[in-house]
Amino acid sequence: GTGQLTAHLGDWPGTLRVTDVSPEMVAEGKRRFPRADWQVMHAADID
């Protein structure tokens, strides 16, 4: 979504990718949490 859980993952010590299927949600998430690695991606395409 726009980062409700992302807000609690900001100090993840390894590699973290943040995804959502909605391009507009990802755009809003990037605005709120610009340091995260945001990608438009369906839940079935993460492999």
All heavy atoms as atom14 arrays in JSON, in Angstrom:
{
  "sequence": "GTGQLTAHLGDWPGTLRVTDVSPEMVAEGKRRFPRADWQVMHAADID",
  "atom14_mask": [
    [1, 1, 1, 1, 0, 0, 0, 0, 0, 0, 0, 0, 0, 0],
    [1, 1, 1, 1, 1, 1, 1, 0, 0, 0, 0, 0, 0, 0],
    [1, 1, 1, 1, 0, 0, 0, 0, 0, 0, 0, 0, 0, 0],
    [1, 1, 1, 1, 1, 1, 1, 1, 1, 0, 0, 0, 0, 0],
    [1, 1, 1, 1, 1, 1, 1, 1, 0, 0, 0, 0, 0, 0],
    [1, 1, 1, 1, 1, 1, 1, 0, 0, 0, 0, 0, 0, 0],
    [1, 1, 1, 1, 1, 0, 0, 0, 0, 0, 0, 0, 0, 0],
    [1, 1, 1, 1, 1, 1, 1, 1, 1, 1, 0, 0, 0, 0],
    [1, 1, 1, 1, 1, 1, 1, 1, 0, 0, 0, 0, 0, 0],
    [1, 1, 1, 1, 0, 0, 0, 0, 0, 0, 0, 0, 0, 0],
    [1, 1, 1, 1, 1, 1, 1, 1, 0, 0, 0, 0, 0, 0],
    [1, 1, 1, 1, 1, 1, 1, 1, 1, 1, 1, 1, 1, 1],
    [1, 1, 1, 1, 1, 1, 1, 0, 0, 0, 0, 0, 0, 0],
    [1, 1, 1, 1, 0, 0, 0, 0, 0, 0, 0, 0, 0, 0],
    [1, 1, 1, 1, 1, 1, 1, 0, 0, 0, 0, 0, 0, 0],
    [1, 1, 1, 1, 1, 1, 1, 1, 0, 0, 0, 0, 0, 0],
    [1, 1, 1, 1, 1, 1, 1, 1, 1, 1, 1, 0, 0, 0],
    [1, 1, 1, 1, 1, 1, 1, 0, 0, 0, 0, 0, 0, 0],
    [1, 1, 1, 1, 1, 1, 1, 0, 0, 0, 0, 0, 0, 0],
    [1, 1, 1, 1, 1, 1, 1, 1, 0, 0, 0, 0, 0, 0],
    [1, 1, 1, 1, 1, 1, 1, 0, 0, 0, 0, 0, 0, 0],
    [1, 1, 1, 1, 1, 1, 0, 0, 0, 0, 0, 0, 0, 0],
    [1, 1, 1, 1, 1, 1, 1, 0, 0, 0, 0, 0, 0, 0],
    [1, 1, 1, 1, 1, 1, 1, 1, 1, 0, 0, 0, 0, 0],
    [1, 1, 1, 1, 1, 1, 1, 1, 0, 0, 0, 0, 0, 0],
    [1, 1, 1, 1, 1, 1, 1, 0, 0, 0, 0, 0, 0, 0],
    [1, 1, 1, 1, 1, 0, 0, 0, 0, 0, 0, 0, 0, 0],
    [1, 1, 1, 1, 1, 1, 1, 1, 1, 0, 0, 0, 0, 0],
    [1, 1, 1, 1, 0, 0, 0, 0, 0, 0, 0, 0, 0, 0],
    [1, 1, 1, 1, 1, 1, 1, 1, 1, 0, 0, 0, 0, 0],
    [1, 1, 1, 1, 1, 1, 1, 1, 1, 1, 1, 0, 0, 0],
    [1, 1, 1, 1, 1, 1, 1, 1, 1, 1, 1, 0, 0, 0],
    [1, 1, 1, 1, 1, 1, 1, 1, 1, 1, 1, 0, 0, 0],
    [1, 1, 1, 1, 1, 1, 1, 0, 0, 0, 0, 0, 0, 0],
    [1, 1, 1, 1, 1, 1, 1, 1, 1, 1, 1, 0, 0, 0],
    [1, 1, 1, 1, 1, 0, 0, 0, 0, 0, 0, 0, 0, 0],
    [1, 1, 1, 1, 1, 1, 1, 1, 0, 0, 0, 0, 0, 0],
    [1, 1, 1, 1, 1, 1, 1, 1, 1, 1, 1, 1, 1, 1],
    [1, 1, 1, 1, 1, 1, 1, 1, 1, 0, 0, 0, 0, 0],
    [1, 1, 1, 1, 1, 1, 1, 0, 0, 0, 0, 0, 0, 0],
    [1, 1, 1, 1, 1, 1, 1, 1, 0, 0, 0, 0, 0, 0],
    [1, 1, 1, 1, 1, 1, 1, 1, 1, 1, 0, 0, 0, 0],
    [1, 1, 1, 1, 1, 0, 0, 0, 0, 0, 0, 0, 0, 0],
    [1, 1, 1, 1, 1, 0, 0, 0, 0, 0, 0, 0, 0, 0],
    [1, 1, 1, 1, 1, 1, 1, 1, 0, 0, 0, 0, 0, 0],
    [1, 1, 1, 1, 1, 1, 1, 1, 0, 0, 0, 0, 0, 0],
    [1, 1, 1, 1, 1, 1, 1, 1, 0, 0, 0, 0, 0, 0]
  ],
  "atom14_positions": [
    [[0.84, -1.2, 0.0], [0.0, 0.0, 0.0], [0.87, 1.24, 0.0], [1.82, 1.35, -0.78], [0.0, 0.0, 0.0], [0.0, 0.0, 0.0], [0.0, 0.0, 0.0], [0.0, 0.0, 0.0], [0.0, 0.0, 0.0], [0.0, 0.0, 0.0], [0.0, 0.0, 0.0], [0.0, 0.0, 0.0], [0.0, 0.0, 0.0], [0.0, 0.0, 0.0]],
    [[0.57, 2.15, 0.9], [1.37, 3.38, 1.0], [2.39, 3.32, 2.13], [3.02, 4.31, 2.44], [0.46, 4.6, 1.21], [-0.33, 4.42, 2.39], [-0.46, 4.79, 0.01], [0.0, 0.0, 0.0], [0.0, 0.0, 0.0], [0.0, 0.0, 0.0], [0.0, 0.0, 0.0], [0.0, 0.0, 0.0], [0.0, 0.0, 0.0], [0.0, 0.0, 0.0]],
    [[2.53, 2.13, 2.74], [3.63, 1.96, 3.69], [3.28, 1.84, 5.15], [4.08, 2.2, 6.01], [0.0, 0.0, 0.0], [0.0, 0.0, 0.0], [0.0, 0.0, 0.0], [0.0, 0.0, 0.0], [0.0, 0.0, 0.0], [0.0, 0.0, 0.0], [0.0, 0.0, 0.0], [0.0, 0.0, 0.0], [0.0, 0.0, 0.0], [0.0, 0.0, 0.0]],
    [[2.1, 1.28, 5.48], [1.72, 1.15, 6.88], [2.7, 0.24, 7.64], [3.09, 0.55, 8.77], [0.29, 0.62, 7.02], [-0.8, 1.62, 6.71], [-0.88, 1.97, 5.24], [-0.68, 1.1, 4.39], [-1.17, 3.21, 4.93], [0.0, 0.0, 0.0], [0.0, 0.0, 0.0], [0.0, 0.0, 0.0], [0.0, 0.0, 0.0], [0.0, 0.0, 0.0]],
    [[3.08, -0.88, 7.03], [4.08, -1.76, 7.66], [5.49, -1.31, 7.34], [6.41, -1.46, 8.16], [3.87, -3.21, 7.22], [4.8, -4.24, 7.88], [4.61, -4.26, 9.39], [4.57, -5.63, 7.28], [0.0, 0.0, 0.0], [0.0, 0.0, 0.0], [0.0, 0.0, 0.0], [0.0, 0.0, 0.0], [0.0, 0.0, 0.0], [0.0, 0.0, 0.0]],
    [[5.68, -0.73, 6.18], [7.0, -0.24, 5.77], [7.59, 0.7, 6.82], [8.8, 0.71, 7.06], [6.91, 0.5, 4.42], [6.14, -0.27, 3.5], [8.29, 0.75, 3.84], [0.0, 0.0, 0.0], [0.0, 0.0, 0.0], [0.0, 0.0, 0.0], [0.0, 0.0, 0.0], [0.0, 0.0, 0.0], [0.0, 0.0, 0.0], [0.0, 0.0, 0.0]],
    [[6.72, 1.48, 7.44], [7.16, 2.41, 8.46], [7.9, 1.72, 9.6], [8.74, 2.32, 10.28], [5.96, 3.18, 9.02], [0.0, 0.0, 0.0], [0.0, 0.0, 0.0], [0.0, 0.0, 0.0], [0.0, 0.0, 0.0], [0.0, 0.0, 0.0], [0.0, 0.0, 0.0], [0.0, 0.0, 0.0], [0.0, 0.0, 0.0], [0.0, 0.0, 0.0]],
    [[7.61, 0.42, 9.81], [8.23, -0.34, 10.89], [9.41, -1.19, 10.4], [10.05, -1.87, 11.21], [7.2, -1.25, 11.54], [6.02, -0.51, 12.1], [6.03, 0.09, 13.34], [4.79, -0.25, 11.55], [4.85, 0.67, 13.55], [4.09, 0.48, 12.48], [0.0, 0.0, 0.0], [0.0, 0.0, 0.0], [0.0, 0.0, 0.0], [0.0, 0.0, 0.0]],
    [[9.67, -1.16, 9.11], [10.76, -1.96, 8.53], [11.96, -1.11, 8.14], [12.89, -1.61, 7.52], [10.25, -2.73, 7.3], [9.28, -3.88, 7.59], [8.59, -4.32, 6.3], [10.03, -5.05, 8.22], [0.0, 0.0, 0.0], [0.0, 0.0, 0.0], [0.0, 0.0, 0.0], [0.0, 0.0, 0.0], [0.0, 0.0, 0.0], [0.0, 0.0, 0.0]],
    [[11.93, 0.16, 8.48], [12.98, 1.06, 8.03], [14.37, 0.71, 8.49], [15.36, 1.06, 7.84], [0.0, 0.0, 0.0], [0.0, 0.0, 0.0], [0.0, 0.0, 0.0], [0.0, 0.0, 0.0], [0.0, 0.0, 0.0], [0.0, 0.0, 0.0], [0.0, 0.0, 0.0], [0.0, 0.0, 0.0], [0.0, 0.0, 0.0], [0.0, 0.0, 0.0]],
    [[14.48, -0.01, 9.62], [15.8, -0.37, 10.12], [16.13, -1.84, 9.87], [16.97, -2.41, 10.55], [15.9, -0.05, 11.61], [14.87, -0.8, 12.44], [13.97, -1.44, 11.84], [14.96, -0.77, 13.69], [0.0, 0.0, 0.0], [0.0, 0.0, 0.0], [0.0, 0.0, 0.0], [0.0, 0.0, 0.0], [0.0, 0.0, 0.0], [0.0, 0.0, 0.0]],
    [[15.44, -2.45, 8.88], [15.75, -3.85, 8.55], [17.24, -3.95, 8.2], [17.74, -3.21, 7.34], [14.89, -4.31, 7.38], [15.15, -5.74, 6.98], [15.84, -6.17, 5.89], [14.74, -6.91, 7.69], [15.88, -7.53, 5.86], [15.22, -8.02, 6.97], [14.02, -7.12, 8.86], [14.98, -9.34, 7.38], [13.8, -8.43, 9.27], [14.26, -9.52, 8.53]],
    [[17.99, -4.86, 8.83], [19.45, -4.87, 8.67], [19.94, -5.48, 7.37], [21.12, -5.37, 7.04], [19.91, -5.71, 9.87], [18.75, -6.61, 10.16], [17.53, -5.81, 9.86], [0.0, 0.0, 0.0], [0.0, 0.0, 0.0], [0.0, 0.0, 0.0], [0.0, 0.0, 0.0], [0.0, 0.0, 0.0], [0.0, 0.0, 0.0], [0.0, 0.0, 0.0]],
    [[19.06, -6.12, 6.61], [19.49, -6.7, 5.34], [18.89, -5.95, 4.17], [18.55, -4.77, 4.25], [0.0, 0.0, 0.0], [0.0, 0.0, 0.0], [0.0, 0.0, 0.0], [0.0, 0.0, 0.0], [0.0, 0.0, 0.0], [0.0, 0.0, 0.0], [0.0, 0.0, 0.0], [0.0, 0.0, 0.0], [0.0, 0.0, 0.0], [0.0, 0.0, 0.0]],
    [[18.75, -6.66, 3.03], [18.13, -6.09, 1.83], [16.62, -6.14, 1.97], [16.05, -7.17, 2.35], [18.56, -6.89, 0.59], [19.99, -6.84, 0.46], [17.92, -6.32, -0.67], [0.0, 0.0, 0.0], [0.0, 0.0, 0.0], [0.0, 0.0, 0.0], [0.0, 0.0, 0.0], [0.0, 0.0, 0.0], [0.0, 0.0, 0.0], [0.0, 0.0, 0.0]],
    [[15.94, -5.04, 1.65], [14.48, -4.99, 1.73], [13.92, -4.38, 0.46], [14.3, -3.28, 0.08], [14.04, -4.16, 2.94], [12.53, -3.9, 3.04], [11.78, -5.19, 3.33], [12.24, -2.86, 4.13], [0.0, 0.0, 0.0], [0.0, 0.0, 0.0], [0.0, 0.0, 0.0], [0.0, 0.0, 0.0], [0.0, 0.0, 0.0], [0.0, 0.0, 0.0]],
    [[13.02, -5.1, -0.18], [12.27, -4.57, -1.32], [10.81, -4.43, -0.9], [10.25, -5.31, -0.24], [12.37, -5.49, -2.53], [11.53, -5.02, -3.72], [11.92, -5.73, -4.99], [13.26, -5.34, -5.4], [13.88, -5.83, -6.48], [13.29, -6.74, -7.23], [15.09, -5.42, -6.79], [0.0, 0.0, 0.0], [0.0, 0.0, 0.0], [0.0, 0.0, 0.0]],
    [[10.18, -3.33, -1.3], [8.8, -3.03, -0.94], [7.97, -2.99, -2.22], [8.31, -2.26, -3.16], [8.7, -1.69, -0.19], [7.27, -1.44, 0.26], [9.65, -1.68, 1.01], [0.0, 0.0, 0.0], [0.0, 0.0, 0.0], [0.0, 0.0, 0.0], [0.0, 0.0, 0.0], [0.0, 0.0, 0.0], [0.0, 0.0, 0.0], [0.0, 0.0, 0.0]],
    [[6.88, -3.76, -2.26], [6.13, -3.91, -3.5], [4.63, -3.71, -3.3], [4.09, -3.92, -2.22], [6.34, -5.31, -4.11], [5.67, -6.29, -3.3], [7.82, -5.65, -4.2], [0.0, 0.0, 0.0], [0.0, 0.0, 0.0], [0.0, 0.0, 0.0], [0.0, 0.0, 0.0], [0.0, 0.0, 0.0], [0.0, 0.0, 0.0], [0.0, 0.0, 0.0]],
    [[3.96, -3.31, -4.38], [2.51, -3.27, -4.44], [2.12, -3.37, -5.9], [2.87, -2.92, -6.79], [1.96, -1.98, -3.81], [0.47, -2.1, -3.5], [-0.35, -1.88, -4.41], [0.13, -2.45, -2.36], [0.0, 0.0, 0.0], [0.0, 0.0, 0.0], [0.0, 0.0, 0.0], [0.0, 0.0, 0.0], [0.0, 0.0, 0.0], [0.0, 0.0, 0.0]],
    [[0.95, -3.92, -6.16], [0.49, -4.07, -7.54], [-0.02, -2.76, -8.11], [-0.11, -2.59, -9.34], [-0.6, -5.17, -7.61], [-1.89, -4.7, -6.97], [-0.81, -5.63, -9.04], [0.0, 0.0, 0.0], [0.0, 0.0, 0.0], [0.0, 0.0, 0.0], [0.0, 0.0, 0.0], [0.0, 0.0, 0.0], [0.0, 0.0, 0.0], [0.0, 0.0, 0.0]],
    [[-0.38, -1.8, -7.26], [-0.93, -0.52, -7.71], [0.18, 0.5, -7.95], [0.89, 0.88, -7.02], [-1.89, 0.03, -6.66], [-2.13, 1.4, -6.86], [0.0, 0.0, 0.0], [0.0, 0.0, 0.0], [0.0, 0.0, 0.0], [0.0, 0.0, 0.0], [0.0, 0.0, 0.0], [0.0, 0.0, 0.0], [0.0, 0.0, 0.0], [0.0, 0.0, 0.0]],
    [[0.35, 0.99, -9.18], [1.38, 2.0, -9.44], [1.2, 3.27, -8.61], [2.19, 3.86, -8.17], [1.22, 2.28, -10.94], [0.61, 1.04, -11.5], [-0.31, 0.54, -10.42], [0.0, 0.0, 0.0], [0.0, 0.0, 0.0], [0.0, 0.0, 0.0], [0.0, 0.0, 0.0], [0.0, 0.0, 0.0], [0.0, 0.0, 0.0], [0.0, 0.0, 0.0]],
    [[-0.04, 3.68, -8.4], [-0.27, 4.9, -7.63], [0.06, 4.7, -6.15], [0.56, 5.62, -5.49], [-1.71, 5.37, -7.8], [-2.04, 5.86, -9.2], [-1.18, 7.04, -9.61], [-0.88, 7.88, -8.75], [-0.81, 7.12, -10.79], [0.0, 0.0, 0.0], [0.0, 0.0, 0.0], [0.0, 0.0, 0.0], [0.0, 0.0, 0.0], [0.0, 0.0, 0.0]],
    [[-0.22, 3.52, -5.63], [0.17, 3.22, -4.25], [1.69, 3.25, -4.1], [2.23, 3.8, -3.13], [-0.37, 1.86, -3.81], [-1.87, 1.82, -3.58], [-2.35, 2.62, -2.03], [-4.09, 2.15, -1.97], [0.0, 0.0, 0.0], [0.0, 0.0, 0.0], [0.0, 0.0, 0.0], [0.0, 0.0, 0.0], [0.0, 0.0, 0.0], [0.0, 0.0, 0.0]],
    [[2.38, 2.67, -5.07], [3.84, 2.68, -5.04], [4.38, 4.1, -5.11], [5.31, 4.48, -4.39], [4.42, 1.81, -6.17], [5.92, 2.03, -6.33], [4.14, 0.33, -5.89], [0.0, 0.0, 0.0], [0.0, 0.0, 0.0], [0.0, 0.0, 0.0], [0.0, 0.0, 0.0], [0.0, 0.0, 0.0], [0.0, 0.0, 0.0], [0.0, 0.0, 0.0]],
    [[3.79, 4.92, -5.98], [4.23, 6.31, -6.1], [4.05, 7.06, -4.78], [4.92, 7.82, -4.34], [3.48, 7.0, -7.22], [0.0, 0.0, 0.0], [0.0, 0.0, 0.0], [0.0, 0.0, 0.0], [0.0, 0.0, 0.0], [0.0, 0.0, 0.0], [0.0, 0.0, 0.0], [0.0, 0.0, 0.0], [0.0, 0.0, 0.0], [0.0, 0.0, 0.0]],
    [[2.91, 6.83, -4.12], [2.66, 7.48, -2.84], [3.59, 6.93, -1.77], [4.09, 7.67, -0.91], [1.19, 7.29, -2.44], [0.77, 8.04, -1.19], [0.81, 9.55, -1.33], [0.9, 10.04, -2.47], [0.75, 10.23, -0.29], [0.0, 0.0, 0.0], [0.0, 0.0, 0.0], [0.0, 0.0, 0.0], [0.0, 0.0, 0.0], [0.0, 0.0, 0.0]],
    [[3.84, 5.63, -1.81], [4.78, 5.04, -0.86], [6.18, 5.58, -1.02], [6.87, 5.86, -0.03], [0.0, 0.0, 0.0], [0.0, 0.0, 0.0], [0.0, 0.0, 0.0], [0.0, 0.0, 0.0], [0.0, 0.0, 0.0], [0.0, 0.0, 0.0], [0.0, 0.0, 0.0], [0.0, 0.0, 0.0], [0.0, 0.0, 0.0], [0.0, 0.0, 0.0]],
    [[6.61, 5.75, -2.26], [7.93, 6.33, -2.51], [8.02, 7.74, -1.95], [9.05, 8.15, -1.42], [8.21, 6.36, -4.02], [8.64, 5.05, -4.62], [8.95, 5.24, -6.1], [9.43, 3.96, -6.74], [9.72, 4.15, -8.18], [0.0, 0.0, 0.0], [0.0, 0.0, 0.0], [0.0, 0.0, 0.0], [0.0, 0.0, 0.0], [0.0, 0.0, 0.0]],
    [[6.93, 8.48, -2.07], [6.94, 9.85, -1.55], [7.09, 9.85, -0.04], [7.8, 10.69, 0.52], [5.64, 10.55, -1.95], [5.6, 12.03, -1.59], [4.21, 12.62, -1.8], [3.24, 12.07, -0.88], [3.13, 12.45, 0.4], [3.94, 13.38, 0.9], [2.22, 11.91, 1.18], [0.0, 0.0, 0.0], [0.0, 0.0, 0.0], [0.0, 0.0, 0.0]],
    [[6.43, 8.9, 0.62], [6.46, 8.85, 2.08], [7.75, 8.22, 2.61], [8.26, 8.63, 3.66], [5.25, 8.06, 2.6], [3.91, 8.68, 2.24], [2.75, 7.92, 2.88], [2.83, 8.02, 4.34], [2.82, 6.96, 5.15], [2.76, 5.74, 4.66], [2.88, 7.14, 6.46], [0.0, 0.0, 0.0], [0.0, 0.0, 0.0], [0.0, 0.0, 0.0]],
    [[8.27, 7.22, 1.9], [9.47, 6.51, 2.36], [10.45, 6.4, 1.2], [10.63, 5.33, 0.61], [9.11, 5.12, 2.9], [8.12, 5.15, 4.03], [6.78, 4.85, 3.8], [8.52, 5.5, 5.31], [5.86, 4.88, 4.84], [7.6, 5.53, 6.36], [6.28, 5.23, 6.12], [0.0, 0.0, 0.0], [0.0, 0.0, 0.0], [0.0, 0.0, 0.0]],
    [[11.1, 7.5, 0.84], [11.94, 7.52, -0.37], [13.16, 6.62, -0.3], [13.73, 6.28, -1.34], [12.34, 9.01, -0.48], [12.2, 9.55, 0.9], [11.05, 8.81, 1.51], [0.0, 0.0, 0.0], [0.0, 0.0, 0.0], [0.0, 0.0, 0.0], [0.0, 0.0, 0.0], [0.0, 0.0, 0.0], [0.0, 0.0, 0.0], [0.0, 0.0, 0.0]],
    [[13.59, 6.24, 0.88], [14.79, 5.4, 0.98], [14.52, 3.93, 0.67], [15.44, 3.17, 0.41], [15.38, 5.51, 2.39], [15.94, 6.89, 2.72], [16.62, 6.89, 4.08], [17.17, 8.2, 4.41], [17.83, 8.47, 5.53], [18.0, 7.51, 6.43], [18.29, 9.68, 5.76], [0.0, 0.0, 0.0], [0.0, 0.0, 0.0], [0.0, 0.0, 0.0]],
    [[13.26, 3.53, 0.7], [12.93, 2.13, 0.45], [13.03, 1.81, -1.04], [12.86, 2.68, -1.9], [11.51, 1.82, 0.96], [0.0, 0.0, 0.0], [0.0, 0.0, 0.0], [0.0, 0.0, 0.0], [0.0, 0.0, 0.0], [0.0, 0.0, 0.0], [0.0, 0.0, 0.0], [0.0, 0.0, 0.0], [0.0, 0.0, 0.0], [0.0, 0.0, 0.0]],
    [[13.29, 0.55, -1.35], [13.38, 0.07, -2.73], [11.98, -0.35, -3.17], [11.59, -1.5, -3.03], [14.35, -1.1, -2.8], [14.43, -1.71, -4.2], [14.05, -1.02, -5.17], [14.87, -2.87, -4.31], [0.0, 0.0, 0.0], [0.0, 0.0, 0.0], [0.0, 0.0, 0.0], [0.0, 0.0, 0.0], [0.0, 0.0, 0.0], [0.0, 0.0, 0.0]],
    [[11.21, 0.6, -3.71], [9.83, 0.35, -4.12], [9.77, -0.19, -5.53], [10.48, 0.3, -6.43], [9.02, 1.64, -4.04], [8.69, 2.07, -2.65], [9.47, 2.81, -1.82], [7.49, 1.79, -1.93], [8.84, 3.01, -0.62], [7.62, 2.4, -0.65], [6.32, 1.09, -2.23], [6.62, 2.32, 0.31], [5.33, 1.01, -1.27], [5.48, 1.62, -0.02]],
    [[8.89, -1.19, -5.75], [8.69, -1.76, -7.07], [7.21, -2.08, -7.26], [6.55, -2.56, -6.34], [9.5, -3.07, -7.22], [11.0, -2.91, -7.1], [11.61, -2.27, -8.33], [11.06, -2.4, -9.44], [12.73, -1.6, -8.16], [0.0, 0.0, 0.0], [0.0, 0.0, 0.0], [0.0, 0.0, 0.0], [0.0, 0.0, 0.0], [0.0, 0.0, 0.0]],
    [[6.7, -1.8, -8.47], [5.35, -2.24, -8.82], [5.44, -3.73, -9.14], [6.15, -4.14, -10.07], [4.8, -1.47, -10.04], [3.42, -2.01, -10.43], [4.72, 0.02, -9.73], [0.0, 0.0, 0.0], [0.0, 0.0, 0.0], [0.0, 0.0, 0.0], [0.0, 0.0, 0.0], [0.0, 0.0, 0.0], [0.0, 0.0, 0.0], [0.0, 0.0, 0.0]],
    [[4.74, -4.54, -8.36], [4.87, -5.98, -8.53], [3.65, -6.69, -7.94], [3.18, -6.34, -6.86], [6.14, -6.48, -7.83], [6.49, -7.93, -8.11], [8.06, -8.4, -7.3], [9.22, -7.32, -8.17], [0.0, 0.0, 0.0], [0.0, 0.0, 0.0], [0.0, 0.0, 0.0], [0.0, 0.0, 0.0], [0.0, 0.0, 0.0], [0.0, 0.0, 0.0]],
    [[3.13, -7.67, -8.65], [2.04, -8.48, -8.15], [2.58, -9.46, -7.11], [3.73, -9.9, -7.19], [1.38, -9.25, -9.3], [0.09, -9.91, -8.93], [0.04, -11.14, -8.3], [-1.2, -9.53, -9.1], [-1.22, -11.47, -8.09], [-1.99, -10.51, -8.56], [0.0, 0.0, 0.0], [0.0, 0.0, 0.0], [0.0, 0.0, 0.0], [0.0, 0.0, 0.0]],
    [[1.73, -9.82, -6.17], [2.14, -10.73, -5.1], [2.59, -12.09, -5.62], [3.37, -12.79, -4.95], [0.98, -10.93, -4.11], [0.0, 0.0, 0.0], [0.0, 0.0, 0.0], [0.0, 0.0, 0.0], [0.0, 0.0, 0.0], [0.0, 0.0, 0.0], [0.0, 0.0, 0.0], [0.0, 0.0, 0.0], [0.0, 0.0, 0.0], [0.0, 0.0, 0.0]],
    [[2.15, -12.48, -6.82], [2.54, -13.76, -7.39], [3.78, -13.66, -8.26], [4.17, -14.66, -8.88], [1.38, -14.33, -8.21], [0.0, 0.0, 0.0], [0.0, 0.0, 0.0], [0.0, 0.0, 0.0], [0.0, 0.0, 0.0], [0.0, 0.0, 0.0], [0.0, 0.0, 0.0], [0.0, 0.0, 0.0], [0.0, 0.0, 0.0], [0.0, 0.0, 0.0]],
    [[4.41, -12.49, -8.31], [5.58, -12.32, -9.18], [6.87, -12.07, -8.4], [7.88, -11.68, -8.99], [5.35, -11.14, -10.14], [4.23, -11.42, -11.12], [3.98, -12.6, -11.42], [3.59, -10.45, -11.57], [0.0, 0.0, 0.0], [0.0, 0.0, 0.0], [0.0, 0.0, 0.0], [0.0, 0.0, 0.0], [0.0, 0.0, 0.0], [0.0, 0.0, 0.0]],
    [[6.86, -12.28, -7.1], [8.04, -11.94, -6.3], [9.18, -12.94, -6.44], [10.31, -12.66, -6.05], [7.69, -11.79, -4.81], [7.18, -13.12, -4.24], [6.66, -10.69, -4.61], [7.01, -13.09, -2.73], [0.0, 0.0, 0.0], [0.0, 0.0, 0.0], [0.0, 0.0, 0.0], [0.0, 0.0, 0.0], [0.0, 0.0, 0.0], [0.0, 0.0, 0.0]],
    [[8.89, -14.12, -7.04], [9.94, -15.13, -7.14], [11.06, -14.71, -8.08], [12.2, -15.14, -7.94], [9.36, -16.47, -7.58], [8.59, -16.38, -8.89], [8.16, -15.26, -9.24], [8.42, -17.41, -9.55], [0.0, 0.0, 0.0], [0.0, 0.0, 0.0], [0.0, 0.0, 0.0], [0.0, 0.0, 0.0], [0.0, 0.0, 0.0], [0.0, 0.0, 0.0]]
  ]
}
